[in-house]
Structure formats: structure tokens, C-alpha cells
Amino acid sequence: MSEMADRFLRACRREPVDRTPIWIMRQAGRYLPEYRALRQRVDFLTLCRTPELAAEATLQPLRRFPLDAAILFSDILLPLQALGVEMAFTPGPTIAEPLRTRAQIDALAPRPAGEAVPFVAEAVRLLRRELDGRTPLIGFCGAPFTLACYLVQGRGKEGFGVAKTMLYREPATLEHLLSTLALAMTDYLTLQIRAGAQAVQIFDSWAGILGLEEYRRFALPYVKAIVDGVRPLGVPVIYFVNDGPHLHEAAASAGADVLGVCWRAPLDDVARRVGPRVALQGNLDPHVLFADPVEVAQQAAAVLARVAGRPGHIMNLGHGILPETPIASVEALIAAVHDFDGRRAAAAALTPCTT
């Protein structure tokens, strides 16, 4: 892999790069007309479960934009099939039988991910052949607490009141579920890495609903278990914590190589709080992309300036790109990242040496 193709992986390891790498969470998705055309042919789960179609969706944004990483097209709930969990997307995820009791959790019968979701590994292998070393491929999973929110609640719901009630009323039951999920997600990421994923991201989309002490008990140990479980496989691990300004220091202790940061805290403040031993990813507000291109460029430059010169920054949004986002705004964002680093390099070249 060339240095340019390796840019993202080098940044994950906090090594020097020629410019800041950029990829976009949910970059393969509904804002792309070619993705919408693909979805007219097949439903969401069929798209995820058909390796050739999942690979096609993964590659679509790379054909349009000079992005520095591809991320596998899938869904964080998909590997729950390995636990025997049935779900539907209508369009949001719905769990057929929410897990509300210890007996239900005890009855889960985990299977190896390779048996339950072999199509994921096949999609990864297809993508590695298609990408041919030009762009690194990211695999991913959901964090145990985030997955537990869906499993207990039964569907996506702001606040996840049923799941939080279990946390306080039956903490041991929730911890049993979290341990089961940590083992399953370690196996799932291992499947992707062995198939060819060159980095992995753990999405903790709902960690922000926890207070710090609850986070330390019900989220952090299970993420650490996953990170420790895949560490011997030697690929960078990104841990994204949404809505988590109060959690950054704790989240940085999970052991991941990269901490993904939402837009709710200035990136330089996060950098000071977590220290230099973890790379940072983020953290432009996705709604910025609804502004005009000049404003998009200014906002992107502001994010970049906050950590300019700090080893290990990957430009990204602070959450997934929104379906209504204009294509022109994505182009403006990527151009702004390239232009910012180009101007910094030119300025450095013009700065006289002093002794």
C-alpha cells in the first residue's frame, strides 16, 4: 500500500501524514442518488446480506469522492443474528422479542459469527479485491451498551427508558447481557479482520445517555473487553462515543487507538483532556453540510485548525451524514480539508529557518 493509500492507517497510529485523512460516517447511504437507486431494487436487509450488493454500496462513495477510507456497508444490529435475535427494519430497527428478563437472556444461544453472518466476511473479501490496496477498509460493530439499548427497548427510542430502568432495577441482568454482547462483538470483529478489514470502529451511539459513573460500570468495561480481544490481530481500533463530552477521559481509557468525537465539544479541548496517546476522529456537526460551500469550508477549517500539528487526526463528521445532505456540500468539505493542509504545507515551506 502506498503512503497516500496508507494515510488513514498512519493517522490511526499517530504517525506523520502528508495531509489529514478524511472519511465520513454513513458515507454509503441515502444522500447518494446511486444508493437510493440500489434501494429501489432491494430491501435494506437483503442489501446487507448479499455480499455483492453490500460491496457495491460500500464502493459508491469512493467513486464520487477522494475519500481516504472505505467502511463496510452493514448495520450494527446485523450480528445479533448470532444470538438468535430476530429483527426487522420498518424503516428503523425493531426487535421481534425485546429482552426484558434474565430468563430471556439466559436462553440466548450464541453461534460463531462465521456461521451466523458469513456474508459479512464474504463482502469484506470482495471489497479487499476491488479496492486492491488503493483505499483501506474499515469494519465495525456496535458497542455492547448501545446494542443492549435496542435489545431491551425493542426499537430505537430517545432516552431508552426501558433499558435504563433495567440498569437501575436489575443491574446484574443488564451486566449479564453486556458480557454476552462483548463476547459476540469480539468474535464479529475478529471475523471481519481475518477476512481483510484493516481497521475497525466500535459505535457507542447511545453511551451519552449515561452519567459518568454509570458509563464506567455499564459501558466502558465491555468496550475494553472487545479492544483487548482484537488487539492481538494488529489493526487499529476506533471507538466512537456519541453525545459524550462528559465521558471523553473515561472513553479514552478503553484502549482504542482512535477516539471518535461528536460535535458537542471543541476538538482542541478534547485533545487536552485525553492527552497525546490516542488519535482523534471528527468532529464537524453534520448539519454544517446544509450551509453554503463557503461556510462549509470555514467550519471545516475551524475544526482542522483546532488540532493542527497534533499527530493523529482523522477528519470526519461528529455523527452520520444526514440523508438530505447536498452532494455539493460533501465535495466542499473534502476540498476544504485538502486545501487546508495544502496551505499549511506552503506556509511551512516559506517559513525561514532560524538558529
Protein backbone atom coordinates (compact mmCIF):
# COMPACT_ATOMS: atom_id res chain seq x y z
CA MET A 1 0.00 0.00 0.00
CA SER A 2 1.41 3.40 -1.00
CA GLU A 3 1.96 6.19 1.53
CA MET A 4 -1.05 8.06 0.13
CA ALA A 5 -3.26 4.96 0.37
CA ASP A 6 -1.91 4.35 3.88
CA ARG A 7 -2.72 7.90 5.07
CA PHE A 8 -5.72 6.89 7.16
CA LEU A 9 -3.95 3.95 8.84
CA ARG A 10 -0.89 6.07 9.59
CA ALA A 11 -3.07 8.71 11.24
CA CYS A 12 -4.74 5.99 13.34
CA ARG A 13 -1.27 5.13 14.63
CA ARG A 14 -0.43 8.84 15.22
CA GLU A 15 2.32 8.71 12.58
CA PRO A 16 3.21 11.58 10.22
CA VAL A 17 0.95 12.01 7.18
CA ASP A 18 1.15 14.22 4.11
CA ARG A 19 -2.32 15.60 4.86
CA THR A 20 -5.26 14.96 7.18
CA PRO A 21 -7.22 11.90 6.03
CA ILE A 22 -10.99 12.12 5.72
CA TRP A 23 -13.85 9.67 5.61
CA ILE A 24 -17.50 10.22 6.56
CA MET A 25 -19.66 8.15 8.85
CA ARG A 26 -22.57 6.67 6.84
CA GLN A 27 -20.74 7.74 3.67
CA ALA A 28 -22.50 4.87 1.87
CA GLY A 29 -26.13 5.82 2.25
CA ARG A 30 -29.27 7.73 1.48
CA TYR A 31 -27.70 11.06 0.48
CA LEU A 32 -26.32 9.35 -2.66
CA PRO A 33 -28.69 9.05 -5.65
CA GLU A 34 -26.98 5.82 -6.73
CA TYR A 35 -27.64 4.33 -3.29
CA ARG A 36 -31.31 5.32 -3.49
CA ALA A 37 -31.48 3.65 -6.90
CA LEU A 38 -29.98 0.49 -5.42
CA ARG A 39 -32.52 0.52 -2.59
CA GLN A 40 -35.36 0.69 -5.09
CA ARG A 41 -34.28 -2.77 -6.23
CA VAL A 42 -33.85 -4.45 -2.82
CA ASP A 43 -34.87 -4.01 0.80
CA PHE A 44 -32.33 -2.99 3.42
CA LEU A 45 -31.68 -6.40 4.95
CA THR A 46 -31.26 -8.02 1.53
CA LEU A 47 -28.74 -5.33 0.68
CA CYS A 48 -26.80 -6.05 3.87
CA ARG A 49 -26.96 -9.83 3.45
CA THR A 50 -25.91 -10.01 -0.21
CA PRO A 51 -22.11 -9.65 -0.43
CA GLU A 52 -22.05 -8.25 -3.97
CA LEU A 53 -24.68 -5.63 -3.14
CA ALA A 54 -23.08 -4.67 0.18
CA ALA A 55 -19.76 -4.26 -1.64
CA GLU A 56 -21.42 -2.12 -4.29
CA ALA A 57 -22.93 0.18 -1.66
CA THR A 58 -19.55 0.42 0.08
CA LEU A 59 -17.80 1.45 -3.14
CA GLN A 60 -20.34 4.02 -4.35
CA PRO A 61 -19.00 7.00 -2.34
CA LEU A 62 -15.42 6.17 -3.30
CA ARG A 63 -16.32 6.50 -6.98
CA ARG A 64 -17.61 10.02 -6.35
CA PHE A 65 -15.21 11.40 -3.74
CA PRO A 66 -11.46 11.17 -2.96
CA LEU A 67 -12.02 9.63 0.48
CA ASP A 68 -9.19 8.08 2.47
CA ALA A 69 -11.07 5.04 3.78
CA ALA A 70 -13.97 2.78 2.86
CA ILE A 71 -16.32 1.45 5.53
CA LEU A 72 -18.23 -1.77 5.08
CA PHE A 73 -21.92 -1.26 4.32
CA SER A 74 -23.88 -3.06 7.03
CA ASP A 75 -25.77 -2.33 10.26
CA ILE A 76 -24.72 -2.61 13.90
CA LEU A 77 -27.68 -4.88 14.68
CA LEU A 78 -26.93 -7.42 11.97
CA PRO A 79 -24.55 -9.62 14.02
CA LEU A 80 -27.26 -10.07 16.68
CA GLN A 81 -28.43 -12.88 14.41
CA ALA A 82 -25.59 -14.85 16.02
CA LEU A 83 -27.56 -14.66 19.29
CA GLY A 84 -30.77 -15.83 17.66
CA VAL A 85 -32.35 -12.37 17.75
CA GLU A 86 -34.95 -11.70 15.06
CA MET A 87 -35.38 -8.16 13.78
CA ALA A 88 -36.95 -6.09 11.03
CA PHE A 89 -36.31 -2.62 9.62
CA THR A 90 -39.58 -0.70 9.14
CA PRO A 91 -37.66 1.51 8.35
CA GLY A 92 -36.00 1.73 11.76
CA PRO A 93 -34.87 -1.41 13.60
CA THR A 94 -37.46 -3.40 15.53
CA ILE A 95 -36.60 -6.37 17.75
CA ALA A 96 -39.23 -9.12 17.48
CA GLU A 97 -38.96 -10.12 21.16
CA PRO A 98 -37.27 -7.48 23.36
CA LEU A 99 -35.08 -8.91 26.11
CA ARG A 100 -36.71 -7.90 29.38
CA THR A 101 -35.90 -10.81 31.73
CA ARG A 102 -32.92 -12.80 32.93
CA ALA A 103 -34.53 -15.95 31.57
CA GLN A 104 -34.65 -14.49 28.07
CA ILE A 105 -31.00 -13.52 28.25
CA ASP A 106 -30.02 -16.93 29.65
CA ALA A 107 -31.86 -18.51 26.72
CA LEU A 108 -29.70 -16.76 24.11
CA ALA A 109 -27.71 -19.34 22.18
CA PRO A 110 -24.68 -17.59 20.67
CA ARG A 111 -23.27 -19.04 17.47
CA PRO A 112 -19.95 -18.13 15.85
CA ALA A 113 -20.27 -15.07 13.64
CA GLY A 114 -18.81 -17.06 10.77
CA GLU A 115 -21.83 -19.35 10.88
CA ALA A 116 -24.48 -16.72 11.58
CA VAL A 117 -23.37 -13.95 9.20
CA PRO A 118 -20.90 -15.48 6.71
CA PHE A 119 -22.00 -12.94 4.09
CA VAL A 120 -20.23 -10.20 6.07
CA ALA A 121 -16.86 -11.90 5.71
CA GLU A 122 -17.52 -12.52 2.03
CA ALA A 123 -18.35 -8.84 1.48
CA VAL A 124 -15.07 -7.88 3.17
CA ARG A 125 -13.12 -10.26 0.95
CA LEU A 126 -14.84 -8.91 -2.17
CA LEU A 127 -14.04 -5.35 -1.15
CA ARG A 128 -10.38 -6.05 -0.49
CA ARG A 129 -10.10 -7.45 -4.00
CA GLU A 130 -11.95 -4.48 -5.50
CA LEU A 131 -10.02 -1.87 -3.54
CA ASP A 132 -6.73 -3.56 -4.48
CA GLY A 133 -4.65 -1.66 -1.94
CA ARG A 134 -5.83 1.77 -3.11
CA THR A 135 -8.01 2.51 -0.07
CA PRO A 136 -8.09 0.84 3.36
CA LEU A 137 -11.28 -0.86 4.52
CA ILE A 138 -12.92 -0.31 7.91
CA GLY A 139 -15.08 -2.94 9.59
CA PHE A 140 -17.31 -2.15 12.56
CA CYS A 141 -19.64 -3.26 15.31
CA GLY A 142 -21.94 -1.71 17.86
CA ALA A 143 -20.75 -1.29 21.45
CA PRO A 144 -22.41 -3.60 23.97
CA PHE A 145 -24.31 -0.87 25.81
CA THR A 146 -25.68 0.60 22.59
CA LEU A 147 -26.76 -2.83 21.36
CA ALA A 148 -28.33 -3.60 24.73
CA CYS A 149 -30.40 -0.43 24.45
CA TYR A 150 -32.02 -1.75 21.28
CA LEU A 151 -32.40 -5.31 22.58
CA VAL A 152 -34.09 -4.28 25.82
CA GLN A 153 -36.14 -1.38 24.46
CA GLY A 154 -37.14 -3.27 21.32
CA ARG A 155 -36.62 -0.35 18.97
CA GLY A 156 -34.77 2.96 18.72
CA LYS A 157 -36.18 5.46 21.21
CA GLU A 158 -34.70 8.68 22.58
CA GLY A 159 -33.60 8.07 26.15
CA PHE A 160 -34.21 4.29 26.05
CA GLY A 161 -36.29 4.39 29.22
CA VAL A 162 -36.93 0.64 29.44
CA ALA A 163 -33.22 -0.12 29.10
CA LYS A 164 -32.28 2.46 31.74
CA THR A 165 -34.94 1.10 34.07
CA MET A 166 -33.27 -2.32 33.83
CA LEU A 167 -29.93 -0.66 34.57
CA TYR A 168 -31.17 0.55 37.95
CA ARG A 169 -33.74 -2.13 38.80
CA GLU A 170 -31.85 -5.24 37.62
CA PRO A 171 -28.21 -4.22 37.08
CA ALA A 172 -26.93 -7.79 37.24
CA THR A 173 -29.31 -8.81 34.45
CA LEU A 174 -28.07 -5.98 32.24
CA GLU A 175 -24.45 -6.82 33.04
CA HIS A 176 -25.07 -10.43 32.00
CA LEU A 177 -26.40 -9.22 28.65
CA LEU A 178 -23.48 -6.83 28.23
CA SER A 179 -20.96 -9.62 28.85
CA THR A 180 -22.70 -11.79 26.27
CA LEU A 181 -22.61 -8.95 23.75
CA ALA A 182 -18.93 -8.19 24.38
CA LEU A 183 -18.01 -11.78 23.54
CA ALA A 184 -20.22 -11.77 20.44
CA MET A 185 -18.84 -8.46 19.14
CA THR A 186 -15.24 -9.57 19.71
CA ASP A 187 -15.99 -12.62 17.58
CA TYR A 188 -17.73 -10.46 14.95
CA LEU A 189 -14.84 -8.01 14.61
CA THR A 190 -12.41 -10.92 14.51
CA LEU A 191 -14.39 -12.35 11.60
CA GLN A 192 -14.09 -9.06 9.70
CA ILE A 193 -10.40 -8.58 10.45
CA ARG A 194 -9.49 -12.09 9.38
CA ALA A 195 -11.47 -11.55 6.18
CA GLY A 196 -9.40 -8.44 5.45
CA ALA A 197 -10.68 -5.39 7.37
CA GLN A 198 -7.69 -3.12 8.00
CA ALA A 199 -9.24 -1.12 10.86
CA VAL A 200 -12.41 -1.45 12.92
CA GLN A 201 -14.73 1.03 14.59
CA ILE A 202 -16.89 0.41 17.67
CA PHE A 203 -20.01 2.58 17.60
CA ASP A 204 -21.33 3.63 21.04
CA SER A 205 -24.19 5.69 19.69
CA TRP A 206 -26.15 5.78 22.97
CA ALA A 207 -23.38 5.97 25.58
CA GLY A 208 -24.18 9.65 26.05
CA ILE A 209 -27.43 8.85 27.91
CA LEU A 210 -25.29 7.54 30.78
CA GLY A 211 -23.78 9.53 33.60
CA LEU A 212 -20.06 9.09 34.17
CA GLU A 213 -20.33 6.51 36.94
CA GLU A 214 -22.94 4.51 35.02
CA TYR A 215 -20.74 4.68 31.93
CA ARG A 216 -17.78 3.33 33.89
CA ARG A 217 -19.85 0.38 35.07
CA PHE A 218 -22.18 -0.44 32.18
CA ALA A 219 -20.30 0.63 29.04
CA LEU A 220 -16.56 1.05 29.43
CA PRO A 221 -15.55 -2.42 30.72
CA TYR A 222 -17.31 -4.14 27.83
CA VAL A 223 -15.69 -1.94 25.20
CA LYS A 224 -12.34 -2.61 26.84
CA ALA A 225 -13.03 -6.32 26.57
CA ILE A 226 -13.60 -6.01 22.82
CA VAL A 227 -10.50 -3.86 22.29
CA ASP A 228 -8.39 -6.31 24.29
CA GLY A 229 -9.91 -9.21 22.38
CA VAL A 230 -8.97 -7.92 18.93
CA ARG A 231 -5.69 -6.25 19.90
CA PRO A 232 -3.57 -9.32 19.01
CA LEU A 233 -4.87 -9.09 15.42
CA GLY A 234 -2.89 -5.87 14.97
CA VAL A 235 -5.35 -3.50 13.30
CA PRO A 236 -6.24 0.00 14.57
CA VAL A 237 -9.40 0.26 16.65
CA ILE A 238 -11.59 3.38 16.64
CA TYR A 239 -14.08 3.95 19.47
CA PHE A 240 -16.82 6.46 18.66
CA VAL A 241 -18.79 7.87 21.60
CA ASN A 242 -21.80 9.95 20.63
CA ASP A 243 -23.08 12.78 22.83
CA GLY A 244 -20.23 12.18 25.24
CA PRO A 245 -18.38 15.37 26.24
CA HIS A 246 -18.68 14.27 29.89
CA LEU A 247 -17.19 10.88 29.02
CA HIS A 248 -14.10 11.71 26.95
CA GLU A 249 -11.42 11.00 29.53
CA ALA A 250 -13.04 7.72 30.53
CA ALA A 251 -13.67 6.72 26.91
CA ALA A 252 -10.01 7.35 26.05
CA SER A 253 -9.07 4.74 28.65
CA ALA A 254 -10.84 1.98 26.68
CA GLY A 255 -7.56 1.25 24.91
CA ALA A 256 -8.66 2.09 21.37
CA ASP A 257 -6.12 3.70 19.05
CA VAL A 258 -8.57 6.42 17.98
CA LEU A 259 -11.33 8.21 19.87
CA GLY A 260 -14.21 9.32 17.63
CA VAL A 261 -15.70 12.59 18.87
CA CYS A 262 -19.14 14.08 18.26
CA TRP A 263 -19.50 17.83 17.58
CA ARG A 264 -20.58 18.88 21.06
CA ALA A 265 -17.10 19.75 22.38
CA PRO A 266 -14.26 21.67 20.70
CA LEU A 267 -11.69 19.22 19.40
CA ASP A 268 -8.73 21.04 20.95
CA ASP A 269 -10.44 20.82 24.34
CA VAL A 270 -10.90 17.09 23.86
CA ALA A 271 -7.24 16.78 22.86
CA ARG A 272 -6.13 18.49 26.08
CA ARG A 273 -8.36 16.29 28.19
CA VAL A 274 -7.42 12.92 26.70
CA GLY A 275 -3.71 13.59 26.14
CA PRO A 276 -1.44 12.62 23.25
CA ARG A 277 -1.63 8.83 23.41
CA VAL A 278 -4.87 8.50 21.44
CA ALA A 279 -5.63 9.76 17.94
CA LEU A 280 -8.83 11.77 17.41
CA GLN A 281 -11.53 11.47 14.76
CA GLY A 282 -14.14 14.13 13.99
CA ASN A 283 -15.83 16.37 14.72
CA LEU A 284 -17.83 18.56 12.30
CA ASP A 285 -21.56 18.90 13.00
CA PRO A 286 -23.39 17.07 10.17
CA HIS A 287 -25.82 20.00 9.88
CA VAL A 288 -22.96 22.24 8.74
CA LEU A 289 -23.28 20.49 5.38
CA PHE A 290 -26.61 22.24 4.80
CA ALA A 291 -24.83 25.62 4.69
CA ASP A 292 -23.40 27.15 1.53
CA PRO A 293 -20.00 25.82 0.37
CA VAL A 294 -18.10 28.83 1.72
CA GLU A 295 -19.49 28.26 5.21
CA VAL A 296 -18.83 24.53 4.96
CA ALA A 297 -15.19 25.27 4.13
CA GLN A 298 -14.86 27.75 7.01
CA GLN A 299 -16.37 25.38 9.53
CA ALA A 300 -14.18 22.51 8.35
CA ALA A 301 -11.09 24.69 8.55
CA ALA A 302 -12.01 25.67 12.10
CA VAL A 303 -12.09 22.01 13.15
CA LEU A 304 -8.77 21.33 11.44
CA ALA A 305 -7.14 24.40 12.97
CA ARG A 306 -8.02 23.28 16.49
CA VAL A 307 -5.71 20.27 16.22
CA ALA A 308 -3.31 21.44 13.51
CA GLY A 309 0.10 19.92 14.15
CA ARG A 310 -1.21 17.28 16.57
CA PRO A 311 -0.23 13.81 15.34
CA GLY A 312 -3.22 11.61 14.71
CA HIS A 313 -6.29 13.46 13.45
CA ILE A 314 -8.82 11.92 11.07
CA MET A 315 -11.36 14.37 9.70
CA ASN A 316 -14.94 13.18 9.94
CA LEU A 317 -18.39 14.34 10.92
CA GLY A 318 -19.45 14.19 14.54
CA HIS A 319 -22.14 11.67 13.59
CA GLY A 320 -23.52 10.07 10.43
CA ILE A 321 -24.15 12.15 7.33
CA LEU A 322 -27.83 13.09 7.01
CA PRO A 323 -29.94 11.75 4.12
CA GLU A 324 -30.83 15.20 2.75
CA THR A 325 -27.21 16.39 2.58
CA PRO A 326 -26.35 18.03 -0.78
CA ILE A 327 -23.62 16.32 -2.78
CA ALA A 328 -22.02 19.73 -3.35
CA SER A 329 -21.51 20.11 0.39
CA VAL A 330 -19.61 16.83 0.61
CA GLU A 331 -17.42 17.99 -2.24
CA ALA A 332 -16.85 21.31 -0.47
CA LEU A 333 -15.92 19.55 2.76
CA ILE A 334 -13.34 17.30 1.12
CA ALA A 335 -11.90 20.19 -0.88
CA ALA A 336 -11.62 22.25 2.30
CA VAL A 337 -9.62 19.51 4.02
CA HIS A 338 -7.26 19.21 1.06
CA ASP A 339 -6.93 22.98 0.76
CA PHE A 340 -6.25 23.49 4.48
CA ASP A 341 -3.35 21.08 4.52
CA GLY A 342 -2.06 22.44 1.23
CA ARG A 343 -1.96 25.97 2.62
CA ARG A 344 -0.26 24.77 5.81
CA ALA A 345 2.42 22.98 3.80
CA ALA A 346 3.01 26.03 1.63
CA ALA A 347 3.28 28.28 4.67
CA ALA A 348 5.77 25.91 6.30
CA ALA A 349 7.88 25.90 3.14
CA LEU A 350 8.01 29.71 3.17
CA THR A 351 8.94 30.00 6.85
CA PRO A 352 12.66 30.85 7.13
CA CYS A 353 14.86 28.62 9.25
CA THR A 354 16.30 30.20 12.38
CA THR A 355 19.19 29.13 14.54
